[in-house]
C-alpha atoms as a PDB file:
ATOM      1  CA  MET A   1     -62.047  26.444  49.704  1.00  0.00           C
ATOM      2  CA  LEU A   2     -60.918  29.080  47.052  1.00  0.00           C
ATOM      3  CA  ASN A   3     -57.276  29.343  45.966  1.00  0.00           C
ATOM      4  CA  ARG A   4     -55.619  32.623  44.938  1.00  0.00           C
ATOM      5  CA  ILE A   5     -57.918  34.365  42.435  1.00  0.00           C
ATOM      6  CA  ARG A   6     -56.602  36.906  39.944  1.00  0.00           C
ATOM      7  CA  ALA A   7     -59.410  36.691  37.327  1.00  0.00           C
ATOM      8  CA  VAL A   8     -63.051  35.891  37.335  1.00  0.00           C
ATOM      9  CA  LEU A   9     -65.036  34.431  34.360  1.00  0.00           C
ATOM     10  CA  ILE A  10     -68.657  35.360  34.655  1.00  0.00           C
ATOM     11  CA  ASP A  11     -71.617  33.750  33.036  1.00  0.00           C
ATOM     12  CA  LEU A  12     -74.409  36.052  31.904  1.00  0.00           C
ATOM     13  CA  SER A  13     -77.900  34.665  31.378  1.00  0.00           C
ATOM     14  CA  GLY A  14     -78.992  33.165  34.693  1.00  0.00           C
ATOM     15  CA  THR A  15     -75.983  34.524  36.649  1.00  0.00           C
ATOM     16  CA  LEU A  16     -76.157  38.332  36.027  1.00  0.00           C
ATOM     17  CA  HIS A  17     -79.597  38.567  34.577  1.00  0.00           C
ATOM     18  CA  ILE A  18     -82.705  36.749  33.405  1.00  0.00           C
ATOM     19  CA  ASP A  19     -83.985  38.140  30.172  1.00  0.00           C
ATOM     20  CA  ASP A  20     -84.407  41.866  30.856  1.00  0.00           C
ATOM     21  CA  THR A  21     -84.184  41.700  34.605  1.00  0.00           C
ATOM     22  CA  ALA A  22     -80.870  41.861  36.541  1.00  0.00           C
ATOM     23  CA  ILE A  23     -80.346  39.483  39.410  1.00  0.00           C
ATOM     24  CA  PRO A  24     -80.995  41.569  42.575  1.00  0.00           C
ATOM     25  CA  GLY A  25     -77.732  43.244  43.744  1.00  0.00           C
ATOM     26  CA  ALA A  26     -75.672  42.010  40.797  1.00  0.00           C
ATOM     27  CA  VAL A  27     -74.832  45.367  39.334  1.00  0.00           C
ATOM     28  CA  GLU A  28     -73.479  46.599  42.558  1.00  0.00           C
ATOM     29  CA  ALA A  29     -71.649  43.316  43.194  1.00  0.00           C
ATOM     30  CA  LEU A  30     -69.861  43.577  39.828  1.00  0.00           C
ATOM     31  CA  LYS A  31     -68.717  47.082  40.767  1.00  0.00           C
ATOM     32  CA  ARG A  32     -67.282  45.754  44.077  1.00  0.00           C
ATOM     33  CA  LEU A  33     -65.581  42.961  42.200  1.00  0.00           C
ATOM     34  CA  ARG A  34     -63.946  45.481  39.775  1.00  0.00           C
ATOM     35  CA  SER A  35     -62.794  47.738  42.513  1.00  0.00           C
ATOM     36  CA  SER A  36     -60.801  44.870  43.995  1.00  0.00           C
ATOM     37  CA  GLY A  37     -58.451  44.846  41.054  1.00  0.00           C
ATOM     38  CA  ILE A  38     -59.391  41.328  40.102  1.00  0.00           C
ATOM     39  CA  LYS A  39     -59.588  40.906  36.326  1.00  0.00           C
ATOM     40  CA  VAL A  40     -63.066  40.213  34.789  1.00  0.00           C
ATOM     41  CA  ARG A  41     -64.251  38.446  31.622  1.00  0.00           C
ATOM     42  CA  PHE A  42     -67.792  37.735  30.641  1.00  0.00           C
ATOM     43  CA  VAL A  43     -68.302  34.375  28.919  1.00  0.00           C
ATOM     44  CA  THR A  44     -71.572  33.158  27.539  1.00  0.00           C
ATOM     45  CA  ASN A  45     -73.193  30.434  25.489  1.00  0.00           C
ATOM     46  CA  THR A  46     -75.958  32.675  24.577  1.00  0.00           C
ATOM     47  CA  THR A  47     -76.671  32.273  20.851  1.00  0.00           C
ATOM     48  CA  LYS A  48     -80.101  34.087  20.422  1.00  0.00           C
ATOM     49  CA  GLU A  49     -78.493  37.441  20.009  1.00  0.00           C
ATOM     50  CA  SER A  50     -75.248  38.985  18.753  1.00  0.00           C
ATOM     51  CA  SER A  51     -72.563  40.358  21.086  1.00  0.00           C
ATOM     52  CA  ARG A  52     -73.618  43.913  20.074  1.00  0.00           C
ATOM     53  CA  SER A  53     -77.240  43.217  21.107  1.00  0.00           C
ATOM     54  CA  LEU A  54     -76.218  41.423  24.316  1.00  0.00           C
ATOM     55  CA  HIS A  55     -73.874  44.341  25.245  1.00  0.00           C
ATOM     56  CA  ALA A  56     -76.733  46.747  24.778  1.00  0.00           C
ATOM     57  CA  ARG A  57     -79.026  44.616  27.000  1.00  0.00           C
ATOM     58  CA  LEU A  58     -76.422  44.520  29.735  1.00  0.00           C
ATOM     59  CA  SER A  59     -75.817  48.317  29.568  1.00  0.00           C
ATOM     60  CA  SER A  60     -79.585  48.956  29.791  1.00  0.00           C
ATOM     61  CA  LEU A  61     -79.731  46.865  32.964  1.00  0.00           C
ATOM     62  CA  GLY A  62     -76.877  49.064  34.487  1.00  0.00           C
ATOM     63  CA  PHE A  63     -73.918  46.652  34.146  1.00  0.00           C
ATOM     64  CA  GLU A  64     -70.674  48.285  33.286  1.00  0.00           C
ATOM     65  CA  VAL A  65     -69.285  46.051  30.573  1.00  0.00           C
ATOM     66  CA  ASP A  66     -66.807  46.708  27.763  1.00  0.00           C
ATOM     67  CA  ARG A  67     -67.486  44.655  24.761  1.00  0.00           C
ATOM     68  CA  LYS A  68     -63.908  43.685  24.626  1.00  0.00           C
ATOM     69  CA  GLU A  69     -64.411  41.942  27.912  1.00  0.00           C
ATOM     70  CA  MET A  70     -67.036  39.591  26.390  1.00  0.00           C
ATOM     71  CA  PHE A  71     -66.312  36.253  24.875  1.00  0.00           C
ATOM     72  CA  SER A  72     -69.185  34.178  23.398  1.00  0.00           C
ATOM     73  CA  SER A  73     -69.764  30.764  21.929  1.00  0.00           C
ATOM     74  CA  LEU A  74     -70.793  32.655  18.737  1.00  0.00           C
ATOM     75  CA  ALA A  75     -67.419  34.374  18.707  1.00  0.00           C
ATOM     76  CA  ALA A  76     -65.658  30.909  19.111  1.00  0.00           C
ATOM     77  CA  ALA A  77     -67.747  29.427  16.333  1.00  0.00           C
ATOM     78  CA  ARG A  78     -66.899  32.401  14.041  1.00  0.00           C
ATOM     79  CA  LEU A  79     -63.156  31.919  14.721  1.00  0.00           C
ATOM     80  CA  LEU A  80     -63.433  28.151  14.029  1.00  0.00           C
ATOM     81  CA  ALA A  81     -65.225  28.747  10.707  1.00  0.00           C
ATOM     82  CA  GLU A  82     -62.581  31.200   9.559  1.00  0.00           C
ATOM     83  CA  GLU A  83     -59.737  28.953  10.574  1.00  0.00           C
ATOM     84  CA  ARG A  84     -61.166  25.972   8.612  1.00  0.00           C
ATOM     85  CA  GLY A  85     -62.561  27.937   5.693  1.00  0.00           C
ATOM     86  CA  LEU A  86     -66.022  26.681   6.396  1.00  0.00           C
ATOM     87  CA  ARG A  87     -69.221  27.508   4.394  1.00  0.00           C
ATOM     88  CA  PRO A  88     -71.712  26.792   7.023  1.00  0.00           C
ATOM     89  CA  LEU A  89     -75.456  26.386   6.971  1.00  0.00           C
ATOM     90  CA  LEU A  90     -76.329  28.553  10.005  1.00  0.00           C
ATOM     91  CA  LEU A  91     -79.089  27.331  12.336  1.00  0.00           C
ATOM     92  CA  VAL A  92     -79.018  30.424  14.582  1.00  0.00           C
ATOM     93  CA  ASP A  93     -81.516  33.007  15.419  1.00  0.00           C
ATOM     94  CA  GLN A  94     -81.748  35.848  12.979  1.00  0.00           C
ATOM     95  CA  ALA A  95     -80.600  38.279  15.660  1.00  0.00           C
ATOM     96  CA  ALA A  96     -77.223  36.346  15.836  1.00  0.00           C
ATOM     97  CA  GLU A  97     -76.482  36.159  12.125  1.00  0.00           C
ATOM     98  CA  GLU A  98     -74.461  39.364  12.100  1.00  0.00           C
ATOM     99  CA  GLU A  99     -71.736  37.497  14.095  1.00  0.00           C
ATOM    100  CA  PHE A 100     -71.082  35.573  10.920  1.00  0.00           C
ATOM    101  CA  GLU A 101     -71.125  38.392   8.369  1.00  0.00           C
ATOM    102  CA  GLY A 102     -68.234  37.983   5.840  1.00  0.00           C
ATOM    103  CA  LEU A 103     -68.233  34.162   5.748  1.00  0.00           C
ATOM    104  CA  PRO A 104     -68.507  32.465   2.334  1.00  0.00           C
ATOM    105  CA  ALA A 105     -71.980  32.892   0.998  1.00  0.00           C
ATOM    106  CA  PRO A 106     -73.971  29.922  -0.414  1.00  0.00           C
ATOM    107  CA  GLU A 107     -73.300  30.913  -4.009  1.00  0.00           C
ATOM    108  CA  GLN A 108     -69.583  30.225  -3.375  1.00  0.00           C
ATOM    109  CA  GLY A 109     -70.344  26.524  -2.867  1.00  0.00           C
ATOM    110  CA  PRO A 110     -72.600  24.122  -1.020  1.00  0.00           C
ATOM    111  CA  PRO A 111     -72.376  24.282   2.760  1.00  0.00           C
ATOM    112  CA  ASN A 112     -69.584  22.024   4.155  1.00  0.00           C
ATOM    113  CA  ALA A 113     -70.604  22.524   7.741  1.00  0.00           C
ATOM    114  CA  VAL A 114     -73.710  22.976  10.041  1.00  0.00           C
ATOM    115  CA  LEU A 115     -73.467  25.338  12.818  1.00  0.00           C
ATOM    116  CA  VAL A 116     -76.228  24.873  15.407  1.00  0.00           C
ATOM    117  CA  GLY A 117     -77.215  27.429  18.140  1.00  0.00           C
ATOM    118  CA  LEU A 118     -80.434  28.277  19.717  1.00  0.00           C
ATOM    119  CA  ALA A 119     -82.873  29.321  17.006  1.00  0.00           C
ATOM    120  CA  PRO A 120     -86.501  28.463  18.121  1.00  0.00           C
ATOM    121  CA  LYS A 121     -88.035  30.028  15.082  1.00  0.00           C
ATOM    122  CA  ARG A 122     -85.863  28.071  12.579  1.00  0.00           C
ATOM    123  CA  PHE A 123     -86.089  24.657  14.271  1.00  0.00           C
ATOM    124  CA  ASP A 124     -88.703  23.307  11.892  1.00  0.00           C
ATOM    125  CA  TYR A 125     -88.722  19.999   9.936  1.00  0.00           C
ATOM    126  CA  GLN A 126     -87.446  21.564   6.678  1.00  0.00           C
ATOM    127  CA  SER A 127     -84.423  23.193   8.339  1.00  0.00           C
ATOM    128  CA  LEU A 128     -83.478  20.216  10.559  1.00  0.00           C
ATOM    129  CA  ASN A 129     -83.874  17.914   7.584  1.00  0.00           C
ATOM    130  CA  GLN A 130     -81.606  20.010   5.466  1.00  0.00           C
ATOM    131  CA  ALA A 131     -79.046  19.919   8.202  1.00  0.00           C
ATOM    132  CA  PHE A 132     -79.511  16.169   8.613  1.00  0.00           C
ATOM    133  CA  ARG A 133     -78.820  15.669   4.845  1.00  0.00           C
ATOM    134  CA  LEU A 134     -75.755  17.880   4.810  1.00  0.00           C
ATOM    135  CA  VAL A 135     -74.131  16.118   7.732  1.00  0.00           C
ATOM    136  CA  LEU A 136     -74.974  12.713   6.263  1.00  0.00           C
ATOM    137  CA  ASP A 137     -73.196  13.805   3.194  1.00  0.00           C
ATOM    138  CA  GLY A 138     -70.060  14.720   5.105  1.00  0.00           C
ATOM    139  CA  ALA A 139     -70.618  18.241   6.397  1.00  0.00           C
ATOM    140  CA  GLN A 140     -69.052  18.995   9.725  1.00  0.00           C
ATOM    141  CA  LEU A 141     -71.603  19.190  12.567  1.00  0.00           C
ATOM    142  CA  ILE A 142     -70.647  21.960  14.987  1.00  0.00           C
ATOM    143  CA  ALA A 143     -72.697  22.743  18.101  1.00  0.00           C
ATOM    144  CA  ILE A 144     -72.222  26.339  19.154  1.00  0.00           C
ATOM    145  CA  ASN A 145     -73.286  24.987  22.499  1.00  0.00           C
ATOM    146  CA  LYS A 146     -75.125  21.827  23.734  1.00  0.00           C
ATOM    147  CA  SER A 147     -76.987  23.372  26.672  1.00  0.00           C
ATOM    148  CA  ARG A 148     -79.845  21.235  27.717  1.00  0.00           C
ATOM    149  CA  TYR A 149     -82.123  24.134  28.869  1.00  0.00           C
ATOM    150  CA  TYR A 150     -81.943  27.741  29.945  1.00  0.00           C
ATOM    151  CA  GLN A 151     -83.962  30.037  32.185  1.00  0.00           C
ATOM    152  CA  THR A 152     -86.457  32.644  30.935  1.00  0.00           C
ATOM    153  CA  LYS A 153     -88.772  34.787  32.963  1.00  0.00           C
ATOM    154  CA  ASP A 154     -91.598  32.265  32.598  1.00  0.00           C
ATOM    155  CA  GLY A 155     -89.596  29.078  33.345  1.00  0.00           C
ATOM    156  CA  LEU A 156     -87.073  26.689  31.839  1.00  0.00           C
ATOM    157  CA  SER A 157     -86.880  26.277  28.052  1.00  0.00           C
ATOM    158  CA  LEU A 158     -85.287  23.783  25.695  1.00  0.00           C
ATOM    159  CA  GLY A 159     -81.645  24.645  24.884  1.00  0.00           C
ATOM    160  CA  ALA A 160     -79.745  24.099  21.597  1.00  0.00           C
ATOM    161  CA  GLY A 161     -78.421  20.737  22.751  1.00  0.00           C
ATOM    162  CA  SER A 162     -81.741  19.114  22.313  1.00  0.00           C
ATOM    163  CA  PHE A 163     -81.781  19.833  18.627  1.00  0.00           C
ATOM    164  CA  VAL A 164     -78.089  19.024  18.205  1.00  0.00           C
ATOM    165  CA  ALA A 165     -78.854  15.668  19.773  1.00  0.00           C
ATOM    166  CA  ALA A 166     -81.662  15.050  17.237  1.00  0.00           C
ATOM    167  CA  ILE A 167     -79.141  15.531  14.288  1.00  0.00           C
ATOM    168  CA  GLU A 168     -76.634  13.338  16.029  1.00  0.00           C
ATOM    169  CA  PHE A 169     -79.082  10.554  16.581  1.00  0.00           C
ATOM    170  CA  ALA A 170     -80.296  10.704  12.972  1.00  0.00           C
ATOM    171  CA  THR A 171     -76.816  10.744  11.352  1.00  0.00           C
ATOM    172  CA  GLY A 172     -74.887   8.742  13.878  1.00  0.00           C
ATOM    173  CA  LYS A 173     -72.276  11.487  14.032  1.00  0.00           C
ATOM    174  CA  GLU A 174     -71.099  13.340  17.069  1.00  0.00           C
ATOM    175  CA  ALA A 175     -71.098  17.112  17.095  1.00  0.00           C
ATOM    176  CA  GLU A 176     -68.032  19.189  17.903  1.00  0.00           C
ATOM    177  CA  VAL A 177     -68.830  21.686  20.650  1.00  0.00           C
ATOM    178  CA  VAL A 178     -67.170  25.062  20.541  1.00  0.00           C
ATOM    179  CA  GLY A 179     -68.880  26.868  23.472  1.00  0.00           C
ATOM    180  CA  LYS A 180     -68.884  25.881  27.213  1.00  0.00           C
ATOM    181  CA  PRO A 181     -67.989  23.172  28.463  1.00  0.00           C
ATOM    182  CA  ALA A 182     -65.360  22.662  25.765  1.00  0.00           C
ATOM    183  CA  ARG A 183     -61.813  23.043  27.266  1.00  0.00           C
ATOM    184  CA  SER A 184     -60.820  25.108  24.274  1.00  0.00           C
ATOM    185  CA  PHE A 185     -63.492  27.663  25.022  1.00  0.00           C
ATOM    186  CA  PHE A 186     -62.255  28.227  28.482  1.00  0.00           C
ATOM    187  CA  GLU A 187     -58.638  28.436  27.384  1.00  0.00           C
ATOM    188  CA  ALA A 188     -59.617  31.075  24.816  1.00  0.00           C
ATOM    189  CA  SER A 189     -61.542  32.964  27.494  1.00  0.00           C
ATOM    190  CA  LEU A 190     -58.321  33.371  29.512  1.00  0.00           C
ATOM    191  CA  LYS A 191     -56.274  34.690  26.599  1.00  0.00           C
ATOM    192  CA  GLY A 192     -54.936  38.163  27.201  1.00  0.00           C
ATOM    193  CA  LEU A 193     -55.663  38.172  30.906  1.00  0.00           C
ATOM    194  CA  GLY A 194     -52.168  37.132  31.845  1.00  0.00           C
ATOM    195  CA  VAL A 195     -53.280  34.624  34.566  1.00  0.00           C
ATOM    196  CA  ALA A 196     -52.847  30.951  34.929  1.00  0.00           C
ATOM    197  CA  ALA A 197     -55.983  28.633  34.804  1.00  0.00           C
ATOM    198  CA  GLU A 198     -55.684  27.865  38.496  1.00  0.00           C
ATOM    199  CA  GLU A 199     -55.736  31.562  39.256  1.00  0.00           C
ATOM    200  CA  ALA A 200     -59.142  32.028  37.647  1.00  0.00           C
ATOM    201  CA  ILE A 201     -62.624  31.072  38.753  1.00  0.00           C
ATOM    202  CA  MET A 202     -65.804  30.590  36.719  1.00  0.00           C
ATOM    203  CA  ILE A 203     -69.076  31.787  38.227  1.00  0.00           C
ATOM    204  CA  GLY A 204     -72.195  30.269  36.684  1.00  0.00           C
ATOM    205  CA  ASP A 205     -75.610  28.715  37.159  1.00  0.00           C
ATOM    206  CA  ASP A 206     -75.063  25.685  34.854  1.00  0.00           C
ATOM    207  CA  VAL A 207     -73.429  22.946  37.009  1.00  0.00           C
ATOM    208  CA  LYS A 208     -72.322  21.085  33.957  1.00  0.00           C
ATOM    209  CA  ASP A 209     -71.264  23.575  31.346  1.00  0.00           C
ATOM    210  CA  ASP A 210     -70.138  26.420  33.559  1.00  0.00           C
ATOM    211  CA  VAL A 211     -68.724  24.822  36.736  1.00  0.00           C
ATOM    212  CA  ILE A 212     -67.672  21.267  35.899  1.00  0.00           C
ATOM    213  CA  GLY A 213     -66.465  22.399  32.451  1.00  0.00           C
ATOM    214  CA  ALA A 214     -64.276  25.012  34.038  1.00  0.00           C
ATOM    215  CA  ILE A 215     -62.861  22.693  36.700  1.00  0.00           C
ATOM    216  CA  ASP A 216     -62.034  20.142  33.870  1.00  0.00           C
ATOM    217  CA  ALA A 217     -60.044  22.938  32.135  1.00  0.00           C
ATOM    218  CA  GLY A 218     -58.074  23.580  35.360  1.00  0.00           C
ATOM    219  CA  ILE A 219     -60.158  26.630  36.395  1.00  0.00           C
ATOM    220  CA  GLN A 220     -61.809  26.921  39.750  1.00  0.00           C
ATOM    221  CA  GLY A 221     -65.632  26.796  39.653  1.00  0.00           C
ATOM    222  CA  LEU A 222     -68.339  28.407  41.756  1.00  0.00           C
ATOM    223  CA  LEU A 223     -72.095  27.496  41.352  1.00  0.00           C
ATOM    224  CA  VAL A 224     -74.820  30.077  41.891  1.00  0.00           C
ATOM    225  CA  LYS A 225     -78.372  29.039  42.816  1.00  0.00           C
ATOM    226  CA  THR A 226     -80.035  31.244  40.279  1.00  0.00           C
ATOM    227  CA  GLY A 227     -81.137  30.838  36.653  1.00  0.00           C
ATOM    228  CA  LYS A 228     -81.133  27.232  35.431  1.00  0.00           C
ATOM    229  CA  TYR A 229     -79.857  25.963  38.788  1.00  0.00           C
ATOM    230  CA  ARG A 230     -82.048  22.999  40.026  1.00  0.00           C
ATOM    231  CA  PRO A 231     -82.137  21.722  43.621  1.00  0.00           C
ATOM    232  CA  GLY A 232     -79.504  18.968  44.061  1.00  0.00           C
ATOM    233  CA  ASP A 233     -77.141  20.261  41.357  1.00  0.00           C
ATOM    234  CA  GLU A 234     -74.473  20.970  43.973  1.00  0.00           C
ATOM    235  CA  LYS A 235     -74.428  17.118  44.619  1.00  0.00           C
ATOM    236  CA  LYS A 236     -72.924  16.686  41.287  1.00  0.00           C
ATOM    237  CA  LEU A 237     -69.855  18.641  42.277  1.00  0.00           C
ATOM    238  CA  ALA A 238     -66.771  17.341  43.977  1.00  0.00           C
ATOM    239  CA  GLU A 239     -66.371  18.052  47.757  1.00  0.00           C
ATOM    240  CA  GLY A 240     -64.974  21.564  48.383  1.00  0.00           C
ATOM    241  CA  VAL A 241     -66.405  23.287  45.199  1.00  0.00           C
ATOM    242  CA  VAL A 242     -67.974  26.482  46.382  1.00  0.00           C
ATOM    243  CA  VAL A 243     -71.691  27.206  46.031  1.00  0.00           C
ATOM    244  CA  ALA A 244     -73.470  30.546  46.507  1.00  0.00           C
ATOM    245  CA  GLU A 245     -77.066  31.665  46.720  1.00  0.00           C
ATOM    246  CA  ASN A 246     -76.491  34.275  43.993  1.00  0.00           C
ATOM    247  CA  PHE A 247     -73.935  36.432  42.205  1.00  0.00           C
ATOM    248  CA  PRO A 248     -73.540  38.974  45.060  1.00  0.00           C
ATOM    249  CA  GLU A 249     -72.826  36.162  47.628  1.00  0.00           C
ATOM    250  CA  ALA A 250     -70.266  34.684  45.108  1.00  0.00           C
ATOM    251  CA  VAL A 251     -68.521  37.975  44.975  1.00  0.00           C
ATOM    252  CA  ASP A 252     -68.441  38.244  48.784  1.00  0.00           C
ATOM    253  CA  LYS A 253     -66.895  34.783  48.987  1.00  0.00           C
ATOM    254  CA  ILE A 254     -64.231  35.691  46.323  1.00  0.00           C
ATOM    255  CA  LEU A 255     -63.320  38.945  48.056  1.00  0.00           C
ATOM    256  CA  ARG A 256     -63.014  37.343  51.409  1.00  0.00           C
ATOM    257  CA  ALA A 257     -60.766  34.635  49.954  1.00  0.00           C
ATOM    258  CA  LYS A 258     -58.673  37.417  48.379  1.00  0.00           C
ATOM    259  CA  GLU A 259     -58.241  39.049  51.755  1.00  0.00           C
ATOM    260  CA  SER A 260     -57.086  35.786  53.302  1.00  0.00           C
ATOM    261  CA  ASN A 261     -54.564  34.874  50.696  1.00  0.00           C
END
């Protein structure tokens, strides 16, 4: 069952696209959703590339997306760093570093925080050991997300959460999560839309971070069976939570619910 829906939060990787390939029918489905008058925001835990780069990727795939409609865990991490005056050690992909331009440089003082995203080329012993030592000495450990894995065109791959867990284990300290499934992330995603949490729905392929995270924040959730979805994920959801084969079917369900409310 879907309640009244005035806004849709849409995950990107695994829901609208996988790498450089759009989910079949997703471009047209997004257009149908927009034409209904329902508000749209794109929310992502992607940390391998900046919002500028991600927007360019979506545009190249045919999606009509305004950068102002995008809210990422990288943006949430940047806001947190500014609010707290952090000088972070950045364990993020080089392509995402531009999101943190303007933050205090290393010469302005030793890092007082470690920000961990998905950075396959930087997760070597030296970098992880540096992060370990900083956290052990009191630096804040901040996970831009703790995704266990994500979908690529050649299969599932380890997410940032695996490497965050290594630092947590070694230091005995728990990371603060700023991306999905953090309640604060979902609340920030709704800002400016003018809708209550219960009037919004989150569409995503991650049963834990997208769907259960949204539900815990008072937002409706809808799981799609694409991307990182694994058979049986729907069994982790409470009775009545909607599941769809893909994004186009999810849009169909939402539009039908809109007509009946």
